[in-house]
Amino acid sequence: MYQPKITSFDKIVDPKRGELLTVEQLVEKAEVSEATIKRIIQKGFVDYIKVGRVRYVRVFTEALVTVGIDPYQGFYHRPKPGRPSLSLDMMEPFRPVLCDSTVLTVINNGEVEKGDFVFSGVSCALRPSGRRKLIAAWERRLAQETTHPLFGYRIGMRRLIAVQCRLLARHLTGELDQMPHYTPR
């Protein structure tokens, strides 16, 4: 099976000839379909998203444990050993705001370079330098302020997560009739 080696997001080394080709040149030669090339490039993006989601699950798990709620007993995600189901439930409304937008911002601002990924055949992985850049972007995102929907004051995203977990605890104990959800503008 023909597997080109990707050296960046737009150039690929042809293993048969050893020359550097663009995606368009490979497609013209009909050696690899454009869909295959796009799928390989998307793996880098998907890897960033996966690392981001794991990091945010940890933030939500810490916030839930701080409040005194078991993060492994969820409402929507079925409990499985080792999976913090409630953390995943709490993360769902925040996922596009925190995780996905952070990854898109890092890519669109050019903070990610081709040296931040390791490409081998059709697989792709992050290097430690890419992880460091992504973690720095997440910390910046968690420090950004937003307006809390219930209280109306400005609050950092990390603190918003803690407040939402406290509101969940109050809802579960019957102090609040409805759980107020965070929705971005």
N, C-alpha and C. Protein backbone atom coordinates (compact mmCIF):
# COMPACT_ATOMS: atom_id res chain seq x y z
N MET A 1 0.83 -1.18 0.00
CA MET A 1 0.00 0.00 0.00
C MET A 1 0.87 1.24 0.00
N TYR A 2 0.51 2.20 -0.79
CA TYR A 2 1.25 3.44 -0.92
C TYR A 2 0.96 4.35 0.26
N GLN A 3 2.00 4.72 1.03
CA GLN A 3 1.83 5.60 2.18
C GLN A 3 2.83 6.75 2.08
N PRO A 4 2.34 7.95 1.72
CA PRO A 4 3.26 9.08 1.64
C PRO A 4 3.66 9.54 3.03
N LYS A 5 4.85 10.14 3.12
CA LYS A 5 5.32 10.69 4.38
C LYS A 5 5.05 12.19 4.38
N ILE A 6 4.30 12.66 5.38
CA ILE A 6 3.95 14.07 5.45
C ILE A 6 5.01 14.79 6.26
N THR A 7 5.55 15.89 5.72
CA THR A 7 6.54 16.67 6.44
C THR A 7 5.96 17.97 6.96
N SER A 8 4.83 18.39 6.45
CA SER A 8 4.15 19.58 6.96
C SER A 8 2.68 19.43 6.62
N PHE A 9 1.92 20.50 6.84
CA PHE A 9 0.50 20.42 6.55
C PHE A 9 0.21 20.56 5.06
N ASP A 10 1.19 20.92 4.27
CA ASP A 10 0.91 21.11 2.85
C ASP A 10 1.89 20.41 1.93
N LYS A 11 2.92 19.77 2.43
CA LYS A 11 3.90 19.09 1.57
C LYS A 11 4.09 17.66 2.05
N ILE A 12 4.32 16.77 1.09
CA ILE A 12 4.46 15.35 1.37
C ILE A 12 5.66 14.81 0.61
N VAL A 13 6.43 13.93 1.25
CA VAL A 13 7.56 13.30 0.58
C VAL A 13 7.06 12.04 -0.11
N ASP A 14 7.33 11.96 -1.41
CA ASP A 14 6.95 10.78 -2.18
C ASP A 14 8.01 9.70 -1.92
N PRO A 15 7.65 8.57 -1.28
CA PRO A 15 8.66 7.57 -0.94
C PRO A 15 9.26 6.88 -2.16
N LYS A 16 8.54 6.88 -3.29
CA LYS A 16 9.06 6.22 -4.49
C LYS A 16 10.20 7.03 -5.12
N ARG A 17 10.07 8.35 -5.09
CA ARG A 17 11.05 9.21 -5.75
C ARG A 17 11.87 10.04 -4.77
N GLY A 18 11.40 10.17 -3.52
CA GLY A 18 12.12 10.96 -2.54
C GLY A 18 11.99 12.46 -2.73
N GLU A 19 11.03 12.90 -3.56
CA GLU A 19 10.87 14.33 -3.79
C GLU A 19 9.72 14.90 -2.96
N LEU A 20 9.80 16.19 -2.68
CA LEU A 20 8.79 16.87 -1.89
C LEU A 20 7.68 17.35 -2.83
N LEU A 21 6.45 16.91 -2.57
CA LEU A 21 5.32 17.25 -3.42
C LEU A 21 4.24 17.94 -2.62
N THR A 22 3.47 18.79 -3.27
CA THR A 22 2.31 19.39 -2.63
C THR A 22 1.13 18.42 -2.76
N VAL A 23 0.08 18.70 -2.02
CA VAL A 23 -1.11 17.86 -2.09
C VAL A 23 -1.65 17.83 -3.52
N GLU A 24 -1.68 19.00 -4.16
CA GLU A 24 -2.21 19.08 -5.52
C GLU A 24 -1.39 18.24 -6.50
N GLN A 25 -0.06 18.24 -6.35
CA GLN A 25 0.79 17.45 -7.23
C GLN A 25 0.54 15.95 -7.05
N LEU A 26 0.35 15.52 -5.82
CA LEU A 26 0.07 14.11 -5.59
C LEU A 26 -1.27 13.70 -6.18
N VAL A 27 -2.25 14.57 -6.03
CA VAL A 27 -3.57 14.27 -6.57
C VAL A 27 -3.52 14.22 -8.09
N GLU A 28 -2.77 15.16 -8.70
CA GLU A 28 -2.63 15.18 -10.16
C GLU A 28 -2.01 13.88 -10.67
N LYS A 29 -1.03 13.36 -9.96
CA LYS A 29 -0.38 12.13 -10.39
C LYS A 29 -1.25 10.90 -10.13
N ALA A 30 -2.39 11.11 -9.46
CA ALA A 30 -3.36 10.05 -9.17
C ALA A 30 -2.75 8.92 -8.35
N GLU A 31 -1.74 9.26 -7.55
CA GLU A 31 -1.14 8.25 -6.69
C GLU A 31 -1.88 8.15 -5.36
N VAL A 32 -2.40 9.28 -4.89
CA VAL A 32 -3.13 9.33 -3.63
C VAL A 32 -4.31 10.25 -3.82
N SER A 33 -5.45 9.86 -3.30
CA SER A 33 -6.62 10.72 -3.44
C SER A 33 -6.52 11.89 -2.47
N GLU A 34 -7.20 12.96 -2.81
CA GLU A 34 -7.20 14.15 -1.96
C GLU A 34 -7.84 13.84 -0.61
N ALA A 35 -8.82 12.96 -0.60
CA ALA A 35 -9.48 12.58 0.66
C ALA A 35 -8.49 11.89 1.60
N THR A 36 -7.60 11.06 1.04
CA THR A 36 -6.60 10.39 1.87
C THR A 36 -5.65 11.39 2.49
N ILE A 37 -5.20 12.36 1.70
CA ILE A 37 -4.30 13.39 2.20
C ILE A 37 -4.98 14.20 3.29
N LYS A 38 -6.22 14.59 3.06
CA LYS A 38 -6.95 15.38 4.06
C LYS A 38 -7.16 14.58 5.34
N ARG A 39 -7.40 13.28 5.20
CA ARG A 39 -7.60 12.44 6.38
C ARG A 39 -6.33 12.38 7.22
N ILE A 40 -5.18 12.29 6.57
CA ILE A 40 -3.90 12.25 7.29
C ILE A 40 -3.67 13.58 8.01
N ILE A 41 -3.94 14.70 7.34
CA ILE A 41 -3.75 16.02 7.94
C ILE A 41 -4.72 16.23 9.09
N GLN A 42 -5.94 15.74 8.97
CA GLN A 42 -6.93 15.89 10.04
C GLN A 42 -6.54 15.13 11.29
N LYS A 43 -5.73 14.09 11.15
CA LYS A 43 -5.32 13.33 12.33
C LYS A 43 -4.54 14.21 13.29
N GLY A 44 -3.77 15.16 12.78
CA GLY A 44 -3.06 16.10 13.64
C GLY A 44 -4.03 16.96 14.43
N PHE A 45 -5.08 17.43 13.76
CA PHE A 45 -6.10 18.23 14.43
C PHE A 45 -6.85 17.40 15.47
N VAL A 46 -7.20 16.18 15.12
CA VAL A 46 -7.92 15.31 16.03
C VAL A 46 -7.06 14.99 17.25
N ASP A 47 -5.76 14.82 17.05
CA ASP A 47 -4.86 14.54 18.17
C ASP A 47 -4.86 15.73 19.14
N TYR A 48 -4.84 16.95 18.60
CA TYR A 48 -4.90 18.15 19.44
C TYR A 48 -6.21 18.17 20.23
N ILE A 49 -7.32 17.87 19.57
CA ILE A 49 -8.63 17.88 20.25
C ILE A 49 -8.65 16.84 21.37
N LYS A 50 -8.13 15.65 21.11
CA LYS A 50 -8.13 14.59 22.13
C LYS A 50 -7.32 14.99 23.35
N VAL A 51 -6.14 15.56 23.13
CA VAL A 51 -5.32 15.99 24.25
C VAL A 51 -6.04 17.09 25.03
N GLY A 52 -6.73 17.97 24.33
CA GLY A 52 -7.48 19.04 24.99
C GLY A 52 -8.62 18.52 25.84
N ARG A 53 -9.33 17.56 25.33
CA ARG A 53 -10.46 17.02 26.08
C ARG A 53 -10.00 16.29 27.33
N VAL A 54 -8.91 15.58 27.24
CA VAL A 54 -8.37 14.88 28.42
C VAL A 54 -7.99 15.90 29.48
N ARG A 55 -7.38 17.00 29.05
CA ARG A 55 -6.98 18.04 30.01
C ARG A 55 -8.19 18.66 30.69
N TYR A 56 -9.24 18.94 29.94
CA TYR A 56 -10.42 19.56 30.53
C TYR A 56 -11.20 18.60 31.42
N VAL A 57 -11.20 17.32 31.12
CA VAL A 57 -11.84 16.34 32.00
C VAL A 57 -11.15 16.39 33.36
N ARG A 58 -9.85 16.54 33.35
CA ARG A 58 -9.11 16.63 34.61
C ARG A 58 -9.51 17.87 35.40
N VAL A 59 -9.67 19.00 34.73
CA VAL A 59 -10.08 20.24 35.40
C VAL A 59 -11.46 20.07 36.03
N PHE A 60 -12.39 19.47 35.31
CA PHE A 60 -13.73 19.25 35.84
C PHE A 60 -13.73 18.23 36.98
N THR A 61 -12.91 17.20 36.87
CA THR A 61 -12.82 16.20 37.94
C THR A 61 -12.31 16.84 39.22
N GLU A 62 -11.29 17.68 39.10
CA GLU A 62 -10.77 18.38 40.28
C GLU A 62 -11.83 19.27 40.91
N ALA A 63 -12.59 19.98 40.08
CA ALA A 63 -13.63 20.88 40.60
C ALA A 63 -14.74 20.10 41.30
N LEU A 64 -15.14 18.97 40.74
CA LEU A 64 -16.19 18.16 41.35
C LEU A 64 -15.74 17.55 42.68
N VAL A 65 -14.51 17.08 42.73
CA VAL A 65 -13.99 16.51 43.97
C VAL A 65 -13.88 17.59 45.04
N THR A 66 -13.50 18.79 44.65
CA THR A 66 -13.39 19.90 45.59
C THR A 66 -14.74 20.21 46.24
N VAL A 67 -15.80 20.11 45.44
CA VAL A 67 -17.15 20.38 45.94
C VAL A 67 -17.66 19.22 46.79
N GLY A 68 -17.13 18.03 46.59
CA GLY A 68 -17.57 16.86 47.36
C GLY A 68 -18.50 15.95 46.60
N ILE A 69 -18.48 16.03 45.28
CA ILE A 69 -19.33 15.18 44.44
C ILE A 69 -18.45 14.11 43.80
N ASP A 70 -18.98 12.89 43.71
CA ASP A 70 -18.26 11.80 43.07
C ASP A 70 -18.27 12.00 41.56
N PRO A 71 -17.11 12.24 40.94
CA PRO A 71 -17.08 12.50 39.49
C PRO A 71 -17.30 11.26 38.63
N TYR A 72 -17.36 10.09 39.26
CA TYR A 72 -17.50 8.85 38.50
C TYR A 72 -18.95 8.40 38.34
N GLN A 73 -19.91 9.10 38.94
CA GLN A 73 -21.32 8.76 38.81
C GLN A 73 -22.01 9.83 37.97
N GLY A 74 -22.20 9.56 36.70
CA GLY A 74 -22.75 10.55 35.79
C GLY A 74 -24.24 10.39 35.55
N PHE A 75 -24.79 11.36 34.82
CA PHE A 75 -26.19 11.33 34.44
C PHE A 75 -26.37 10.78 33.03
N TYR A 76 -25.58 11.30 32.11
CA TYR A 76 -25.72 10.94 30.70
C TYR A 76 -24.69 9.89 30.27
N HIS A 77 -23.45 10.03 30.72
CA HIS A 77 -22.43 9.04 30.41
C HIS A 77 -22.57 7.88 31.40
N ARG A 78 -22.60 6.70 30.85
CA ARG A 78 -22.76 5.51 31.67
C ARG A 78 -21.51 5.28 32.52
N PRO A 79 -21.68 4.98 33.79
CA PRO A 79 -20.49 4.73 34.63
C PRO A 79 -19.72 3.50 34.17
N LYS A 80 -18.42 3.68 34.01
CA LYS A 80 -17.50 2.58 33.70
C LYS A 80 -16.32 2.73 34.64
N PRO A 81 -15.66 1.65 34.97
CA PRO A 81 -14.50 1.75 35.87
C PRO A 81 -13.42 2.67 35.28
N GLY A 82 -13.00 3.65 36.08
CA GLY A 82 -11.93 4.55 35.66
C GLY A 82 -12.36 5.72 34.80
N ARG A 83 -13.63 5.81 34.45
CA ARG A 83 -14.10 6.92 33.61
C ARG A 83 -14.93 7.89 34.45
N PRO A 84 -14.49 9.14 34.56
CA PRO A 84 -15.24 10.13 35.34
C PRO A 84 -16.47 10.62 34.57
N SER A 85 -17.55 9.88 34.67
CA SER A 85 -18.75 10.14 33.87
C SER A 85 -19.36 11.50 34.15
N LEU A 86 -19.43 11.90 35.41
CA LEU A 86 -20.01 13.21 35.73
C LEU A 86 -19.13 14.34 35.22
N SER A 87 -17.84 14.15 35.24
CA SER A 87 -16.93 15.16 34.66
C SER A 87 -17.20 15.31 33.17
N LEU A 88 -17.42 14.22 32.49
CA LEU A 88 -17.74 14.27 31.07
C LEU A 88 -19.09 14.95 30.84
N ASP A 89 -20.06 14.68 31.72
CA ASP A 89 -21.37 15.33 31.62
C ASP A 89 -21.25 16.84 31.80
N MET A 90 -20.49 17.26 32.80
CA MET A 90 -20.32 18.69 33.08
C MET A 90 -19.51 19.38 31.99
N MET A 91 -18.63 18.64 31.35
CA MET A 91 -17.77 19.22 30.33
C MET A 91 -18.49 19.48 29.02
N GLU A 92 -19.55 18.75 28.73
CA GLU A 92 -20.21 18.84 27.42
C GLU A 92 -20.58 20.27 27.01
N PRO A 93 -21.24 21.08 27.87
CA PRO A 93 -21.57 22.44 27.42
C PRO A 93 -20.34 23.33 27.23
N PHE A 94 -19.25 23.00 27.91
CA PHE A 94 -18.04 23.81 27.84
C PHE A 94 -17.10 23.39 26.71
N ARG A 95 -17.31 22.21 26.15
CA ARG A 95 -16.37 21.65 25.19
C ARG A 95 -16.13 22.54 23.97
N PRO A 96 -17.17 23.03 23.31
CA PRO A 96 -16.87 23.90 22.16
C PRO A 96 -16.25 25.23 22.56
N VAL A 97 -16.60 25.72 23.75
CA VAL A 97 -16.09 27.01 24.21
C VAL A 97 -14.64 26.92 24.65
N LEU A 98 -14.31 25.87 25.38
CA LEU A 98 -12.96 25.75 25.92
C LEU A 98 -12.03 24.95 25.01
N CYS A 99 -12.37 23.74 24.72
CA CYS A 99 -11.46 22.83 24.03
C CYS A 99 -11.36 23.12 22.54
N ASP A 100 -12.48 23.04 21.84
CA ASP A 100 -12.45 23.16 20.38
C ASP A 100 -11.98 24.54 19.93
N SER A 101 -12.48 25.59 20.58
CA SER A 101 -12.09 26.94 20.17
C SER A 101 -10.62 27.22 20.47
N THR A 102 -10.10 26.63 21.56
CA THR A 102 -8.68 26.81 21.88
C THR A 102 -7.81 26.17 20.81
N VAL A 103 -8.16 24.98 20.40
CA VAL A 103 -7.38 24.28 19.36
C VAL A 103 -7.45 25.06 18.05
N LEU A 104 -8.63 25.51 17.68
CA LEU A 104 -8.75 26.29 16.43
C LEU A 104 -7.96 27.59 16.51
N THR A 105 -7.96 28.24 17.65
CA THR A 105 -7.21 29.48 17.82
C THR A 105 -5.71 29.23 17.67
N VAL A 106 -5.22 28.16 18.28
CA VAL A 106 -3.79 27.83 18.18
C VAL A 106 -3.40 27.57 16.73
N ILE A 107 -4.25 26.87 16.01
CA ILE A 107 -3.94 26.56 14.61
C ILE A 107 -4.06 27.81 13.74
N ASN A 108 -5.13 28.59 13.92
CA ASN A 108 -5.34 29.78 13.09
C ASN A 108 -4.32 30.88 13.35
N ASN A 109 -3.82 30.99 14.58
CA ASN A 109 -2.83 32.02 14.90
C ASN A 109 -1.40 31.59 14.53
N GLY A 110 -1.24 30.39 14.05
CA GLY A 110 0.07 29.93 13.62
C GLY A 110 1.00 29.58 14.77
N GLU A 111 0.45 29.29 15.94
CA GLU A 111 1.29 28.90 17.07
C GLU A 111 1.85 27.49 16.87
N VAL A 112 1.17 26.70 16.06
CA VAL A 112 1.60 25.34 15.78
C VAL A 112 2.46 25.36 14.52
N GLU A 113 3.57 24.64 14.58
CA GLU A 113 4.46 24.54 13.42
C GLU A 113 4.54 23.09 12.98
N LYS A 114 5.10 22.88 11.80
CA LYS A 114 5.18 21.50 11.32
C LYS A 114 6.10 20.66 12.20
N GLY A 115 7.03 21.28 12.90
CA GLY A 115 7.92 20.55 13.79
C GLY A 115 7.26 20.07 15.06
N ASP A 116 6.03 20.51 15.30
CA ASP A 116 5.30 20.10 16.50
C ASP A 116 4.60 18.77 16.34
N PHE A 117 4.64 18.20 15.14
CA PHE A 117 4.00 16.92 14.87
C PHE A 117 5.03 15.93 14.34
N VAL A 118 4.78 14.66 14.61
CA VAL A 118 5.57 13.58 14.04
C VAL A 118 4.65 12.83 13.10
N PHE A 119 5.02 12.78 11.82
CA PHE A 119 4.23 12.06 10.83
C PHE A 119 4.98 10.81 10.43
N SER A 120 4.29 9.69 10.43
CA SER A 120 4.89 8.44 10.01
C SER A 120 3.83 7.66 9.24
N GLY A 121 4.01 7.56 7.97
CA GLY A 121 3.01 6.89 7.14
C GLY A 121 1.70 7.65 7.20
N VAL A 122 0.65 6.98 7.64
CA VAL A 122 -0.64 7.65 7.75
C VAL A 122 -0.97 8.02 9.19
N SER A 123 0.01 7.90 10.10
CA SER A 123 -0.24 8.26 11.48
C SER A 123 0.39 9.60 11.81
N CYS A 124 -0.10 10.20 12.87
CA CYS A 124 0.35 11.51 13.28
C CYS A 124 0.34 11.57 14.80
N ALA A 125 1.34 12.22 15.39
CA ALA A 125 1.40 12.35 16.84
C ALA A 125 2.00 13.71 17.20
N LEU A 126 1.71 14.17 18.39
CA LEU A 126 2.25 15.43 18.89
C LEU A 126 3.61 15.23 19.51
N ARG A 127 4.49 16.18 19.27
CA ARG A 127 5.77 16.19 19.96
C ARG A 127 5.60 16.94 21.28
N PRO A 128 6.53 16.81 22.20
CA PRO A 128 6.43 17.56 23.47
C PRO A 128 6.33 19.08 23.26
N SER A 129 6.99 19.61 22.24
CA SER A 129 6.91 21.06 21.98
C SER A 129 5.49 21.46 21.60
N GLY A 130 4.80 20.62 20.83
CA GLY A 130 3.42 20.90 20.48
C GLY A 130 2.49 20.83 21.67
N ARG A 131 2.75 19.88 22.56
CA ARG A 131 1.94 19.77 23.78
C ARG A 131 2.13 20.99 24.67
N ARG A 132 3.38 21.45 24.79
CA ARG A 132 3.65 22.63 25.62
C ARG A 132 2.92 23.85 25.08
N LYS A 133 2.93 24.03 23.77
CA LYS A 133 2.24 25.17 23.17
C LYS A 133 0.74 25.08 23.40
N LEU A 134 0.20 23.88 23.30
CA LEU A 134 -1.23 23.69 23.51
C LEU A 134 -1.62 23.91 24.97
N ILE A 135 -0.81 23.43 25.90
CA ILE A 135 -1.09 23.64 27.32
C ILE A 135 -1.03 25.11 27.66
N ALA A 136 -0.07 25.84 27.10
CA ALA A 136 0.01 27.29 27.34
C ALA A 136 -1.24 27.99 26.82
N ALA A 137 -1.75 27.57 25.66
CA ALA A 137 -2.97 28.16 25.11
C ALA A 137 -4.17 27.84 26.00
N TRP A 138 -4.24 26.62 26.54
CA TRP A 138 -5.34 26.27 27.43
C TRP A 138 -5.31 27.09 28.71
N GLU A 139 -4.13 27.29 29.26
CA GLU A 139 -4.03 28.10 30.47
C GLU A 139 -4.47 29.54 30.20
N ARG A 140 -4.10 30.06 29.03
CA ARG A 140 -4.58 31.41 28.66
C ARG A 140 -6.10 31.43 28.56
N ARG A 141 -6.66 30.37 27.98
CA ARG A 141 -8.12 30.30 27.81
C ARG A 141 -8.82 30.19 29.16
N LEU A 142 -8.28 29.40 30.06
CA LEU A 142 -8.89 29.27 31.38
C LEU A 142 -8.79 30.56 32.19
N ALA A 143 -7.82 31.40 31.88
CA ALA A 143 -7.66 32.68 32.58
C ALA A 143 -8.58 33.77 32.02
N GLN A 144 -9.12 33.57 30.81
CA GLN A 144 -10.01 34.57 30.21
C GLN A 144 -11.28 34.70 31.04
N GLU A 145 -11.81 35.91 31.05
CA GLU A 145 -13.02 36.17 31.85
C GLU A 145 -14.27 36.17 30.98
N THR A 146 -15.36 35.80 31.61
CA THR A 146 -16.67 35.81 30.98
C THR A 146 -17.68 36.25 32.02
N THR A 147 -18.89 36.53 31.60
CA THR A 147 -19.94 36.93 32.52
C THR A 147 -20.75 35.71 32.93
N HIS A 148 -20.92 35.52 34.23
CA HIS A 148 -21.68 34.37 34.70
C HIS A 148 -23.16 34.59 34.40
N PRO A 149 -23.86 33.58 33.86
CA PRO A 149 -25.25 33.77 33.44
C PRO A 149 -26.24 34.00 34.60
N LEU A 150 -25.95 33.47 35.77
CA LEU A 150 -26.88 33.60 36.90
C LEU A 150 -26.58 34.84 37.74
N PHE A 151 -25.30 35.08 38.02
CA PHE A 151 -24.92 36.15 38.93
C PHE A 151 -24.62 37.47 38.22
N GLY A 152 -24.24 37.41 36.96
CA GLY A 152 -24.01 38.60 36.17
C GLY A 152 -22.67 39.29 36.37
N TYR A 153 -21.75 38.71 37.11
CA TYR A 153 -20.45 39.35 37.29
C TYR A 153 -19.39 38.65 36.46
N ARG A 154 -18.26 39.34 36.24
CA ARG A 154 -17.16 38.79 35.45
C ARG A 154 -16.41 37.76 36.28
N ILE A 155 -16.06 36.66 35.62
CA ILE A 155 -15.42 35.55 36.32
C ILE A 155 -14.52 34.81 35.32
N GLY A 156 -13.38 34.32 35.79
CA GLY A 156 -12.49 33.55 34.94
C GLY A 156 -13.10 32.20 34.61
N MET A 157 -12.67 31.61 33.51
CA MET A 157 -13.26 30.33 33.08
C MET A 157 -12.98 29.21 34.09
N ARG A 158 -11.79 29.18 34.67
CA ARG A 158 -11.49 28.14 35.66
C ARG A 158 -12.40 28.30 36.88
N ARG A 159 -12.61 29.53 37.31
CA ARG A 159 -13.51 29.79 38.45
C ARG A 159 -14.97 29.49 38.07
N LEU A 160 -15.32 29.76 36.81
CA LEU A 160 -16.67 29.46 36.34
C LEU A 160 -16.97 27.96 36.44
N ILE A 161 -15.98 27.14 36.12
CA ILE A 161 -16.14 25.69 36.22
C ILE A 161 -16.41 25.31 37.68
N ALA A 162 -15.66 25.89 38.60
CA ALA A 162 -15.85 25.59 40.02
C ALA A 162 -17.23 26.06 40.49
N VAL A 163 -17.66 27.23 40.04
CA VAL A 163 -18.98 27.75 40.43
C VAL A 163 -20.09 26.84 39.88
N GLN A 164 -19.94 26.39 38.64
CA GLN A 164 -20.95 25.51 38.06
C GLN A 164 -21.03 24.18 38.83
N CYS A 165 -19.90 23.69 39.29
CA CYS A 165 -19.91 22.45 40.08
C CYS A 165 -20.58 22.69 41.44
N ARG A 166 -20.37 23.86 42.02
CA ARG A 166 -21.05 24.19 43.28
C ARG A 166 -22.56 24.33 43.07
N LEU A 167 -22.94 24.92 41.93
CA LEU A 167 -24.37 25.04 41.63
C LEU A 167 -25.00 23.66 41.42
N LEU A 168 -24.25 22.74 40.81
CA LEU A 168 -24.75 21.37 40.66
C LEU A 168 -24.97 20.74 42.03
N ALA A 169 -24.03 20.94 42.94
CA ALA A 169 -24.18 20.39 44.29
C ALA A 169 -25.41 20.97 44.98
N ARG A 170 -25.64 22.27 44.81
CA ARG A 170 -26.83 22.89 45.41
C ARG A 170 -28.10 22.37 44.77
N HIS A 171 -28.06 22.11 43.48
CA HIS A 171 -29.23 21.56 42.80
C HIS A 171 -29.52 20.13 43.28
N LEU A 172 -28.47 19.34 43.45
CA LEU A 172 -28.65 17.96 43.89
C LEU A 172 -29.17 17.87 45.32
N THR A 173 -28.82 18.86 46.15
CA THR A 173 -29.31 18.85 47.53
C THR A 173 -30.68 19.50 47.66
N GLY A 174 -31.21 20.05 46.58
CA GLY A 174 -32.55 20.63 46.60
C GLY A 174 -32.61 22.11 46.89
N GLU A 175 -31.46 22.77 47.01
CA GLU A 175 -31.44 24.21 47.27
C GLU A 175 -31.83 25.02 46.05
N LEU A 176 -31.55 24.50 44.86
CA LEU A 176 -31.92 25.15 43.61
C LEU A 176 -32.92 24.27 42.87
N ASP A 177 -33.96 24.90 42.31
CA ASP A 177 -34.95 24.13 41.56
C ASP A 177 -34.42 23.66 40.21
N GLN A 178 -33.69 24.56 39.54
CA GLN A 178 -33.12 24.24 38.23
C GLN A 178 -31.63 24.47 38.24
N MET A 179 -30.93 23.68 37.45
CA MET A 179 -29.50 23.85 37.30
C MET A 179 -29.24 24.91 36.24
N PRO A 180 -28.67 26.07 36.62
CA PRO A 180 -28.38 27.10 35.61
C PRO A 180 -27.18 26.69 34.76
N HIS A 181 -27.35 26.68 33.47
CA HIS A 181 -26.29 26.28 32.56
C HIS A 181 -25.57 27.49 32.02
N TYR A 182 -24.29 27.32 31.75
CA TYR A 182 -23.51 28.37 31.13
C TYR A 182 -23.68 28.27 29.62
N THR A 183 -24.07 29.37 29.01
CA THR A 183 -24.14 29.43 27.54
C THR A 183 -23.39 30.66 27.10
N PRO A 184 -22.45 30.51 26.18
CA PRO A 184 -21.71 31.68 25.71
C PRO A 184 -22.62 32.59 24.90
N ARG A 185 -22.16 33.80 24.70
CA ARG A 185 -22.97 34.80 24.00
C ARG A 185 -23.49 34.28 22.69
